Amino acid sequence: MNTLITSTFIAVIGIAAVPAAEAGELWRATGLEQPESALFDAADNRIIVSNISGNPGEADGNGYLSVLSLDGKTVTQHWTDGMDAPKGMAISGGKLYVADITKVRVVDLASGKLVASISVPNAVFLNDMTSDQSGKVYVTDMLADAIYRIDGDRPEPFVKDGALASPNGIFADGGRLIVASWGKGIKPDFSTTELGGLLSVDIASKVVSPLPGAQKFADLDGVLAIGGTIYTTAYMTGTLYRYHAGGAPEVVAQFKPGSADIGTDGKSILYVPLMNEGEVVALKLD
């Protein structure tokens, strides 16, 4: 797996550069190290960023979390150390949960101290996280077509289904989980034989359903919803899309390859990590 993931970034570097979108851009935070996820912390008015800082699948101890202000300034570069390759994050019960390969790290939001590591049995490549209205936390396992649920410190299998097609991004939206799939048949360069799309998982029944009009269009990474609009990123092309029920995905912005797990203030701003650039971009939505 490590060879597969390493080759991804070699392949991405070779893709022709695409100028970043200017419209709606508020600021860019620089100096980060492979920022994978940018999470808005409403209680403390800040943005928490996960830095992989190495091979995304290697337990090398290099990973850490940073804190940005809402105007894109670095508050603390190394807020939480002691991680391997941290990716998606979720907040629940005053704690921050962080996906880290086969573990979920638990961080105290007040201090930034790493307080626990939850091993997820049979996990292969944990990726994104979200929390539902009841405070339960969900994490995708991209290379196992699975989603796990964590209640407190207890991980349990939630859904394992080939229809998830390498689930990457996940976002709790009322009684459903919105999932962004990378696609099927992942190749050594991390391209796929079948592109990914947007899915819905009913939390009560665990039924996986495709979102109409949003199938097989890109290798998707991050995902979130604001009102009735879903936003998702395509890592391999650097594209940010939006989707409305019954429509087709529309391009919102174009960056260089490497756009990853997006965050939002829940109103009108998106935070887009650009892994290969070491940056986080803030975009003002129309």
C-alpha atoms as a PDB file:
ATOM      1  CA  MET A   1       0.000   0.000   0.000  1.00  0.00           C
ATOM      2  CA  ASN A   2       2.826   2.417   0.820  1.00  0.00           C
ATOM      3  CA  THR A   3       4.261   1.984  -2.670  1.00  0.00           C
ATOM      4  CA  LEU A   4       0.851   2.624  -4.177  1.00  0.00           C
ATOM      5  CA  ILE A   5       0.336   5.807  -2.208  1.00  0.00           C
ATOM      6  CA  THR A   6       3.836   7.142  -2.816  1.00  0.00           C
ATOM      7  CA  SER A   7       3.426   6.704  -6.552  1.00  0.00           C
ATOM      8  CA  THR A   8       0.273   8.783  -6.387  1.00  0.00           C
ATOM      9  CA  PHE A   9       2.190  11.911  -5.587  1.00  0.00           C
ATOM     10  CA  ILE A  10       4.852  11.193  -8.175  1.00  0.00           C
ATOM     11  CA  ALA A  11       2.107  10.910 -10.786  1.00  0.00           C
ATOM     12  CA  VAL A  12       0.331  14.040  -9.607  1.00  0.00           C
ATOM     13  CA  ILE A  13       3.490  16.134  -9.891  1.00  0.00           C
ATOM     14  CA  GLY A  14       3.620  15.258 -13.564  1.00  0.00           C
ATOM     15  CA  ILE A  15       0.152  16.628 -14.311  1.00  0.00           C
ATOM     16  CA  ALA A  16       0.107  19.973 -16.096  1.00  0.00           C
ATOM     17  CA  ALA A  17      -0.411  22.870 -13.706  1.00  0.00           C
ATOM     18  CA  VAL A  18      -3.789  24.588 -13.776  1.00  0.00           C
ATOM     19  CA  PRO A  19      -4.029  28.228 -12.616  1.00  0.00           C
ATOM     20  CA  ALA A  20      -5.839  28.602  -9.304  1.00  0.00           C
ATOM     21  CA  ALA A  21      -9.257  30.211  -9.351  1.00  0.00           C
ATOM     22  CA  GLU A  22      -9.171  33.884  -8.415  1.00  0.00           C
ATOM     23  CA  ALA A  23     -12.885  34.601  -8.092  1.00  0.00           C
ATOM     24  CA  GLY A  24     -14.066  34.368  -4.521  1.00  0.00           C
ATOM     25  CA  GLU A  25     -10.630  33.757  -3.039  1.00  0.00           C
ATOM     26  CA  LEU A  26     -10.255  35.484   0.337  1.00  0.00           C
ATOM     27  CA  TRP A  27      -6.812  34.352   1.464  1.00  0.00           C
ATOM     28  CA  ARG A  28      -4.175  31.627   1.295  1.00  0.00           C
ATOM     29  CA  ALA A  29      -2.384  30.158   4.272  1.00  0.00           C
ATOM     30  CA  THR A  30       1.093  28.916   3.324  1.00  0.00           C
ATOM     31  CA  GLY A  31       3.929  27.008   4.965  1.00  0.00           C
ATOM     32  CA  LEU A  32       1.907  23.889   5.766  1.00  0.00           C
ATOM     33  CA  GLU A  33       3.146  20.338   5.131  1.00  0.00           C
ATOM     34  CA  GLN A  34       0.772  18.313   2.961  1.00  0.00           C
ATOM     35  CA  PRO A  35      -2.386  19.753   4.528  1.00  0.00           C
ATOM     36  CA  GLU A  36      -5.111  17.139   4.023  1.00  0.00           C
ATOM     37  CA  SER A  37      -8.058  18.486   5.990  1.00  0.00           C
ATOM     38  CA  ALA A  38      -9.219  21.920   7.171  1.00  0.00           C
ATOM     39  CA  LEU A  39     -11.894  21.850   9.878  1.00  0.00           C
ATOM     40  CA  PHE A  40     -13.741  24.921  11.148  1.00  0.00           C
ATOM     41  CA  ASP A  41     -13.987  24.954  14.951  1.00  0.00           C
ATOM     42  CA  ALA A  42     -16.990  27.200  15.620  1.00  0.00           C
ATOM     43  CA  ALA A  43     -16.605  27.206  19.405  1.00  0.00           C
ATOM     44  CA  ASP A  44     -13.141  28.755  19.236  1.00  0.00           C
ATOM     45  CA  ASN A  45     -13.385  30.588  15.889  1.00  0.00           C
ATOM     46  CA  ARG A  46     -10.400  28.884  14.316  1.00  0.00           C
ATOM     47  CA  ILE A  47      -9.440  26.412  11.603  1.00  0.00           C
ATOM     48  CA  ILE A  48      -7.669  23.181  12.486  1.00  0.00           C
ATOM     49  CA  VAL A  49      -5.481  21.700   9.743  1.00  0.00           C
ATOM     50  CA  SER A  50      -4.074  18.168   9.557  1.00  0.00           C
ATOM     51  CA  ASN A  51      -0.549  17.917   8.119  1.00  0.00           C
ATOM     52  CA  ILE A  52       0.541  14.530   6.735  1.00  0.00           C
ATOM     53  CA  SER A  53       4.192  15.593   6.382  1.00  0.00           C
ATOM     54  CA  GLY A  54       5.362  12.395   4.689  1.00  0.00           C
ATOM     55  CA  ASN A  55       3.935   9.245   3.146  1.00  0.00           C
ATOM     56  CA  PRO A  56       0.123   9.208   3.642  1.00  0.00           C
ATOM     57  CA  GLY A  57       0.204   5.503   4.492  1.00  0.00           C
ATOM     58  CA  GLU A  58       3.307   5.302   6.668  1.00  0.00           C
ATOM     59  CA  ALA A  59       3.388   5.279  10.461  1.00  0.00           C
ATOM     60  CA  ASP A  60       6.395   7.598  10.655  1.00  0.00           C
ATOM     61  CA  GLY A  61       5.423   9.905  13.524  1.00  0.00           C
ATOM     62  CA  ASN A  62       5.794  13.008  11.325  1.00  0.00           C
ATOM     63  CA  GLY A  63       2.143  14.057  11.203  1.00  0.00           C
ATOM     64  CA  TYR A  64       0.721  16.938  13.205  1.00  0.00           C
ATOM     65  CA  LEU A  65      -2.115  19.459  13.508  1.00  0.00           C
ATOM     66  CA  SER A  66      -1.903  23.230  12.984  1.00  0.00           C
ATOM     67  CA  VAL A  67      -4.244  26.059  13.963  1.00  0.00           C
ATOM     68  CA  LEU A  68      -5.125  28.975  11.681  1.00  0.00           C
ATOM     69  CA  SER A  69      -7.031  32.150  12.487  1.00  0.00           C
ATOM     70  CA  LEU A  70     -10.119  32.997  10.457  1.00  0.00           C
ATOM     71  CA  ASP A  71      -8.062  35.416   8.357  1.00  0.00           C
ATOM     72  CA  GLY A  72      -5.589  32.698   7.393  1.00  0.00           C
ATOM     73  CA  LYS A  73      -2.750  33.500   9.791  1.00  0.00           C
ATOM     74  CA  THR A  74      -0.881  30.661  11.470  1.00  0.00           C
ATOM     75  CA  VAL A  75      -1.657  30.691  15.186  1.00  0.00           C
ATOM     76  CA  THR A  76       0.222  27.499  16.066  1.00  0.00           C
ATOM     77  CA  GLN A  77       2.154  25.456  13.500  1.00  0.00           C
ATOM     78  CA  HIS A  78       2.625  22.379  15.718  1.00  0.00           C
ATOM     79  CA  TRP A  79      -0.498  22.408  17.877  1.00  0.00           C
ATOM     80  CA  THR A  80      -0.692  18.613  18.230  1.00  0.00           C
ATOM     81  CA  ASP A  81       2.268  16.345  17.464  1.00  0.00           C
ATOM     82  CA  GLY A  82       2.669  12.591  17.816  1.00  0.00           C
ATOM     83  CA  MET A  83       0.627  11.508  14.794  1.00  0.00           C
ATOM     84  CA  ASP A  84       1.579   9.572  11.665  1.00  0.00           C
ATOM     85  CA  ALA A  85      -0.426  10.748   8.637  1.00  0.00           C
ATOM     86  CA  PRO A  86      -3.501  12.596   9.974  1.00  0.00           C
ATOM     87  CA  LYS A  87      -6.307  13.215   7.516  1.00  0.00           C
ATOM     88  CA  GLY A  88     -10.026  13.896   8.112  1.00  0.00           C
ATOM     89  CA  MET A  89     -11.324  15.251  11.425  1.00  0.00           C
ATOM     90  CA  ALA A  90     -14.583  15.597  13.368  1.00  0.00           C
ATOM     91  CA  ILE A  91     -15.617  17.335  16.576  1.00  0.00           C
ATOM     92  CA  SER A  92     -17.835  15.671  19.184  1.00  0.00           C
ATOM     93  CA  GLY A  93     -18.270  16.194  22.913  1.00  0.00           C
ATOM     94  CA  GLY A  94     -15.483  18.717  23.278  1.00  0.00           C
ATOM     95  CA  LYS A  95     -13.007  16.400  21.588  1.00  0.00           C
ATOM     96  CA  LEU A  96     -11.402  16.332  18.173  1.00  0.00           C
ATOM     97  CA  TYR A  97     -11.279  12.977  16.376  1.00  0.00           C
ATOM     98  CA  VAL A  98      -8.609  12.511  13.699  1.00  0.00           C
ATOM     99  CA  ALA A  99      -8.288   9.681  11.142  1.00  0.00           C
ATOM    100  CA  ASP A 100      -4.699   8.392  11.181  1.00  0.00           C
ATOM    101  CA  ILE A 101      -4.156   5.332   8.916  1.00  0.00           C
ATOM    102  CA  THR A 102      -5.542   2.541  11.144  1.00  0.00           C
ATOM    103  CA  LYS A 103      -6.200   4.564  14.286  1.00  0.00           C
ATOM    104  CA  VAL A 104      -8.469   7.401  15.310  1.00  0.00           C
ATOM    105  CA  ARG A 105      -6.612   9.934  17.420  1.00  0.00           C
ATOM    106  CA  VAL A 106      -8.510  11.851  20.103  1.00  0.00           C
ATOM    107  CA  VAL A 107      -7.398  15.388  20.945  1.00  0.00           C
ATOM    108  CA  ASP A 108      -8.577  17.655  23.741  1.00  0.00           C
ATOM    109  CA  LEU A 109      -9.897  20.765  22.009  1.00  0.00           C
ATOM    110  CA  ALA A 110      -9.021  23.079  24.865  1.00  0.00           C
ATOM    111  CA  SER A 111      -5.347  22.158  25.110  1.00  0.00           C
ATOM    112  CA  GLY A 112      -4.508  20.456  21.825  1.00  0.00           C
ATOM    113  CA  LYS A 113      -3.175  17.515  23.820  1.00  0.00           C
ATOM    114  CA  LEU A 114      -3.411  14.035  22.319  1.00  0.00           C
ATOM    115  CA  VAL A 115      -5.435  12.136  24.923  1.00  0.00           C
ATOM    116  CA  ALA A 116      -6.207   8.796  23.269  1.00  0.00           C
ATOM    117  CA  SER A 117      -5.628   6.581  20.245  1.00  0.00           C
ATOM    118  CA  ILE A 118      -8.448   4.279  19.186  1.00  0.00           C
ATOM    119  CA  SER A 119      -7.313   1.292  17.143  1.00  0.00           C
ATOM    120  CA  VAL A 120      -9.897   0.315  14.532  1.00  0.00           C
ATOM    121  CA  PRO A 121      -9.809  -3.474  13.969  1.00  0.00           C
ATOM    122  CA  ASN A 122      -9.275  -4.509  10.329  1.00  0.00           C
ATOM    123  CA  ALA A 123      -8.819  -0.892   9.194  1.00  0.00           C
ATOM    124  CA  VAL A 124      -6.627  -0.376   6.118  1.00  0.00           C
ATOM    125  CA  PHE A 125      -6.600   3.334   5.253  1.00  0.00           C
ATOM    126  CA  LEU A 126      -8.852   5.542   7.376  1.00  0.00           C
ATOM    127  CA  ASN A 127      -9.545   8.810   5.631  1.00  0.00           C
ATOM    128  CA  ASP A 128     -12.343  11.253   6.439  1.00  0.00           C
ATOM    129  CA  MET A 129     -14.536  11.783   9.495  1.00  0.00           C
ATOM    130  CA  THR A 130     -17.836  13.384  10.494  1.00  0.00           C
ATOM    131  CA  SER A 131     -20.147  13.506  13.523  1.00  0.00           C
ATOM    132  CA  ASP A 132     -23.933  13.181  13.504  1.00  0.00           C
ATOM    133  CA  GLN A 133     -26.601  14.967  15.542  1.00  0.00           C
ATOM    134  CA  SER A 134     -26.307  12.454  18.376  1.00  0.00           C
ATOM    135  CA  GLY A 135     -22.549  12.911  18.677  1.00  0.00           C
ATOM    136  CA  LYS A 136     -21.559   9.613  17.098  1.00  0.00           C
ATOM    137  CA  VAL A 137     -18.501   9.802  14.873  1.00  0.00           C
ATOM    138  CA  TYR A 138     -18.017   8.097  11.502  1.00  0.00           C
ATOM    139  CA  VAL A 139     -14.798   7.395   9.607  1.00  0.00           C
ATOM    140  CA  THR A 140     -14.283   6.079   6.079  1.00  0.00           C
ATOM    141  CA  ASP A 141     -11.849   3.304   5.214  1.00  0.00           C
ATOM    142  CA  MET A 142     -11.029   4.172   1.634  1.00  0.00           C
ATOM    143  CA  LEU A 143      -9.165   0.991   0.696  1.00  0.00           C
ATOM    144  CA  ALA A 144     -11.667  -1.387   2.333  1.00  0.00           C
ATOM    145  CA  ASP A 145     -15.012  -0.007   1.021  1.00  0.00           C
ATOM    146  CA  ALA A 146     -16.077   0.501   4.622  1.00  0.00           C
ATOM    147  CA  ILE A 147     -17.358   3.023   7.137  1.00  0.00           C
ATOM    148  CA  TYR A 148     -16.853   2.647  10.880  1.00  0.00           C
ATOM    149  CA  ARG A 149     -18.830   4.313  13.652  1.00  0.00           C
ATOM    150  CA  ILE A 150     -17.307   5.403  16.948  1.00  0.00           C
ATOM    151  CA  ASP A 151     -19.443   6.009  20.024  1.00  0.00           C
ATOM    152  CA  GLY A 152     -17.195   7.476  22.694  1.00  0.00           C
ATOM    153  CA  ASP A 153     -14.123   5.250  22.410  1.00  0.00           C
ATOM    154  CA  ARG A 154     -15.767   2.172  20.899  1.00  0.00           C
ATOM    155  CA  PRO A 155     -15.270   1.575  17.157  1.00  0.00           C
ATOM    156  CA  GLU A 156     -17.682  -0.699  15.315  1.00  0.00           C
ATOM    157  CA  PRO A 157     -18.255  -1.626  11.668  1.00  0.00           C
ATOM    158  CA  PHE A 158     -21.108   0.464  10.258  1.00  0.00           C
ATOM    159  CA  VAL A 159     -21.251  -0.295   6.521  1.00  0.00           C
ATOM    160  CA  LYS A 160     -19.048  -2.445   4.295  1.00  0.00           C
ATOM    161  CA  ASP A 161     -20.279  -2.405   0.710  1.00  0.00           C
ATOM    162  CA  GLY A 162     -18.602  -2.444  -2.705  1.00  0.00           C
ATOM    163  CA  ALA A 163     -21.095   0.232  -3.750  1.00  0.00           C
ATOM    164  CA  LEU A 164     -19.104   2.691  -1.610  1.00  0.00           C
ATOM    165  CA  ALA A 165     -16.388   2.458  -4.304  1.00  0.00           C
ATOM    166  CA  SER A 166     -13.384   3.579  -2.237  1.00  0.00           C
ATOM    167  CA  PRO A 167     -15.199   5.995   0.094  1.00  0.00           C
ATOM    168  CA  ASN A 168     -13.117   9.056   0.826  1.00  0.00           C
ATOM    169  CA  GLY A 169     -15.087  12.108   2.005  1.00  0.00           C
ATOM    170  CA  ILE A 170     -17.994  11.812   4.437  1.00  0.00           C
ATOM    171  CA  PHE A 171     -20.430  14.356   5.880  1.00  0.00           C
ATOM    172  CA  ALA A 172     -23.368  13.842   8.255  1.00  0.00           C
ATOM    173  CA  ASP A 173     -26.442  15.604   6.863  1.00  0.00           C
ATOM    174  CA  GLY A 174     -29.476  15.008   9.058  1.00  0.00           C
ATOM    175  CA  GLY A 175     -30.434  11.341   8.868  1.00  0.00           C
ATOM    176  CA  ARG A 176     -27.945  10.484   6.150  1.00  0.00           C
ATOM    177  CA  LEU A 177     -24.242  10.378   5.485  1.00  0.00           C
ATOM    178  CA  ILE A 178     -23.101  11.970   2.231  1.00  0.00           C
ATOM    179  CA  VAL A 179     -20.124  10.059   0.852  1.00  0.00           C
ATOM    180  CA  ALA A 180     -17.666  11.081  -1.858  1.00  0.00           C
ATOM    181  CA  SER A 181     -16.221   8.001  -3.538  1.00  0.00           C
ATOM    182  CA  TRP A 182     -12.814   7.916  -5.209  1.00  0.00           C
ATOM    183  CA  GLY A 183     -13.885   5.228  -7.645  1.00  0.00           C
ATOM    184  CA  LYS A 184     -13.278   1.576  -8.449  1.00  0.00           C
ATOM    185  CA  GLY A 185     -10.167  -0.209  -9.663  1.00  0.00           C
ATOM    186  CA  ILE A 186      -7.462   1.981  -8.145  1.00  0.00           C
ATOM    187  CA  LYS A 187      -4.282   1.822 -10.252  1.00  0.00           C
ATOM    188  CA  PRO A 188      -0.649   2.341  -9.120  1.00  0.00           C
ATOM    189  CA  ASP A 189      -0.892   6.052  -9.994  1.00  0.00           C
ATOM    190  CA  PHE A 190      -4.155   6.248  -7.993  1.00  0.00           C
ATOM    191  CA  SER A 191      -6.253   6.840 -11.092  1.00  0.00           C
ATOM    192  CA  THR A 192      -9.226   4.486 -11.377  1.00  0.00           C
ATOM    193  CA  THR A 193     -10.844   2.223 -13.942  1.00  0.00           C
ATOM    194  CA  GLU A 194     -14.188   3.702 -12.905  1.00  0.00           C
ATOM    195  CA  LEU A 195     -14.570   7.256 -11.621  1.00  0.00           C
ATOM    196  CA  GLY A 196     -16.205   7.977  -8.303  1.00  0.00           C
ATOM    197  CA  GLY A 197     -19.365   9.893  -7.465  1.00  0.00           C
ATOM    198  CA  LEU A 198     -21.635  11.070  -4.665  1.00  0.00           C
ATOM    199  CA  LEU A 199     -23.559   8.643  -2.484  1.00  0.00           C
ATOM    200  CA  SER A 200     -26.009   8.745   0.392  1.00  0.00           C
ATOM    201  CA  VAL A 201     -26.031   6.285   3.299  1.00  0.00           C
ATOM    202  CA  ASP A 202     -29.189   6.213   5.386  1.00  0.00           C
ATOM    203  CA  ILE A 203     -28.056   6.192   9.030  1.00  0.00           C
ATOM    204  CA  ALA A 204     -31.051   4.186  10.247  1.00  0.00           C
ATOM    205  CA  SER A 205     -31.180   1.506   7.543  1.00  0.00           C
ATOM    206  CA  LYS A 206     -27.528   1.674   6.367  1.00  0.00           C
ATOM    207  CA  VAL A 207     -28.731   1.532   2.760  1.00  0.00           C
ATOM    208  CA  VAL A 208     -26.255   2.963   0.238  1.00  0.00           C
ATOM    209  CA  SER A 209     -27.838   4.975  -2.609  1.00  0.00           C
ATOM    210  CA  PRO A 210     -26.261   6.926  -5.492  1.00  0.00           C
ATOM    211  CA  LEU A 211     -27.168  10.595  -5.749  1.00  0.00           C
ATOM    212  CA  PRO A 212     -28.893  11.018  -9.151  1.00  0.00           C
ATOM    213  CA  GLY A 213     -26.801  12.796 -11.769  1.00  0.00           C
ATOM    214  CA  ALA A 214     -23.619  12.678  -9.697  1.00  0.00           C
ATOM    215  CA  GLN A 215     -22.140   9.296 -10.606  1.00  0.00           C
ATOM    216  CA  LYS A 216     -18.842   8.360 -12.246  1.00  0.00           C
ATOM    217  CA  PHE A 217     -17.646  11.920 -12.830  1.00  0.00           C
ATOM    218  CA  ALA A 218     -14.394  12.270 -10.821  1.00  0.00           C
ATOM    219  CA  ASP A 219     -12.050  10.682  -8.263  1.00  0.00           C
ATOM    220  CA  LEU A 220     -13.568  12.483  -5.291  1.00  0.00           C
ATOM    221  CA  ASP A 221     -11.928  13.466  -2.010  1.00  0.00           C
ATOM    222  CA  GLY A 222     -13.611  15.867   0.433  1.00  0.00           C
ATOM    223  CA  VAL A 223     -17.334  16.548   0.732  1.00  0.00           C
ATOM    224  CA  LEU A 224     -19.712  18.734   2.735  1.00  0.00           C
ATOM    225  CA  ALA A 225     -23.178  20.229   2.489  1.00  0.00           C
ATOM    226  CA  ILE A 226     -24.408  23.760   3.106  1.00  0.00           C
ATOM    227  CA  GLY A 227     -28.180  23.864   2.994  1.00  0.00           C
ATOM    228  CA  GLY A 228     -29.248  22.038  -0.147  1.00  0.00           C
ATOM    229  CA  THR A 229     -25.881  22.350  -1.886  1.00  0.00           C
ATOM    230  CA  ILE A 230     -23.180  19.687  -1.770  1.00  0.00           C
ATOM    231  CA  TYR A 231     -19.555  20.640  -2.407  1.00  0.00           C
ATOM    232  CA  THR A 232     -16.861  18.091  -3.253  1.00  0.00           C
ATOM    233  CA  THR A 233     -13.265  18.068  -4.431  1.00  0.00           C
ATOM    234  CA  ALA A 234     -11.537  15.929  -7.068  1.00  0.00           C
ATOM    235  CA  TYR A 235      -7.988  15.415  -5.848  1.00  0.00           C
ATOM    236  CA  MET A 236      -6.409  14.236  -9.096  1.00  0.00           C
ATOM    237  CA  THR A 237      -7.581  17.252 -11.110  1.00  0.00           C
ATOM    238  CA  GLY A 238      -7.799  19.883  -8.351  1.00  0.00           C
ATOM    239  CA  THR A 239     -11.440  20.629  -9.189  1.00  0.00           C
ATOM    240  CA  LEU A 240     -14.039  21.900  -6.725  1.00  0.00           C
ATOM    241  CA  TYR A 241     -17.623  20.955  -7.646  1.00  0.00           C
ATOM    242  CA  ARG A 242     -21.081  21.798  -6.359  1.00  0.00           C
ATOM    243  CA  TYR A 243     -24.177  19.656  -6.741  1.00  0.00           C
ATOM    244  CA  HIS A 244     -27.889  20.205  -6.237  1.00  0.00           C
ATOM    245  CA  ALA A 245     -30.373  17.341  -6.069  1.00  0.00           C
ATOM    246  CA  GLY A 246     -31.674  16.497  -9.519  1.00  0.00           C
ATOM    247  CA  GLY A 247     -28.924  18.381 -11.305  1.00  0.00           C
ATOM    248  CA  ALA A 248     -25.392  17.642 -12.462  1.00  0.00           C
ATOM    249  CA  PRO A 249     -22.091  18.528 -10.766  1.00  0.00           C
ATOM    250  CA  GLU A 250     -20.880  22.029 -11.659  1.00  0.00           C
ATOM    251  CA  VAL A 251     -17.316  23.333 -11.457  1.00  0.00           C
ATOM    252  CA  VAL A 252     -16.918  26.053  -8.818  1.00  0.00           C
ATOM    253  CA  ALA A 253     -13.140  26.507  -8.860  1.00  0.00           C
ATOM    254  CA  GLN A 254     -10.055  24.950 -10.408  1.00  0.00           C
ATOM    255  CA  PHE A 255      -6.782  24.470  -8.575  1.00  0.00           C
ATOM    256  CA  LYS A 256      -3.657  22.454  -9.184  1.00  0.00           C
ATOM    257  CA  PRO A 257      -4.009  18.718  -8.411  1.00  0.00           C
ATOM    258  CA  GLY A 258      -4.147  18.014  -4.693  1.00  0.00           C
ATOM    259  CA  SER A 259      -7.384  19.634  -3.466  1.00  0.00           C
ATOM    260  CA  ALA A 260      -8.378  17.515  -0.491  1.00  0.00           C
ATOM    261  CA  ASP A 261     -10.776  17.475   2.488  1.00  0.00           C
ATOM    262  CA  ILE A 262     -12.725  20.744   2.501  1.00  0.00           C
ATOM    263  CA  GLY A 263     -14.173  22.522   5.512  1.00  0.00           C
ATOM    264  CA  THR A 264     -16.723  25.308   5.948  1.00  0.00           C
ATOM    265  CA  ASP A 265     -18.002  27.872   8.393  1.00  0.00           C
ATOM    266  CA  GLY A 266     -21.462  26.497   7.561  1.00  0.00           C
ATOM    267  CA  LYS A 267     -22.536  29.756   5.949  1.00  0.00           C
ATOM    268  CA  SER A 268     -20.601  31.178   3.038  1.00  0.00           C
ATOM    269  CA  ILE A 269     -16.929  30.221   3.237  1.00  0.00           C
ATOM    270  CA  LEU A 270     -15.108  27.069   2.147  1.00  0.00           C
ATOM    271  CA  TYR A 271     -11.625  26.091   3.279  1.00  0.00           C
ATOM    272  CA  VAL A 272      -9.783  24.052   0.639  1.00  0.00           C
ATOM    273  CA  PRO A 273      -6.499  22.286   1.518  1.00  0.00           C
ATOM    274  CA  LEU A 274      -4.061  22.080  -1.386  1.00  0.00           C
ATOM    275  CA  MET A 275      -1.841  19.195  -0.330  1.00  0.00           C
ATOM    276  CA  ASN A 276       0.820  19.497  -2.987  1.00  0.00           C
ATOM    277  CA  GLU A 277       1.146  23.270  -2.546  1.00  0.00           C
ATOM    278  CA  GLY A 278       1.288  23.250   1.266  1.00  0.00           C
ATOM    279  CA  GLU A 279      -1.578  25.739   1.367  1.00  0.00           C
ATOM    280  CA  VAL A 280      -5.149  26.218   2.539  1.00  0.00           C
ATOM    281  CA  VAL A 281      -7.378  28.508   0.467  1.00  0.00           C
ATOM    282  CA  ALA A 282     -10.461  30.295   1.771  1.00  0.00           C
ATOM    283  CA  LEU A 283     -13.208  30.814  -0.823  1.00  0.00           C
ATOM    284  CA  LYS A 284     -16.248  33.074  -0.521  1.00  0.00           C
ATOM    285  CA  LEU A 285     -19.306  31.346  -1.980  1.00  0.00           C
ATOM    286  CA  ASP A 286     -21.771  33.097  -4.276  1.00  0.00           C
END
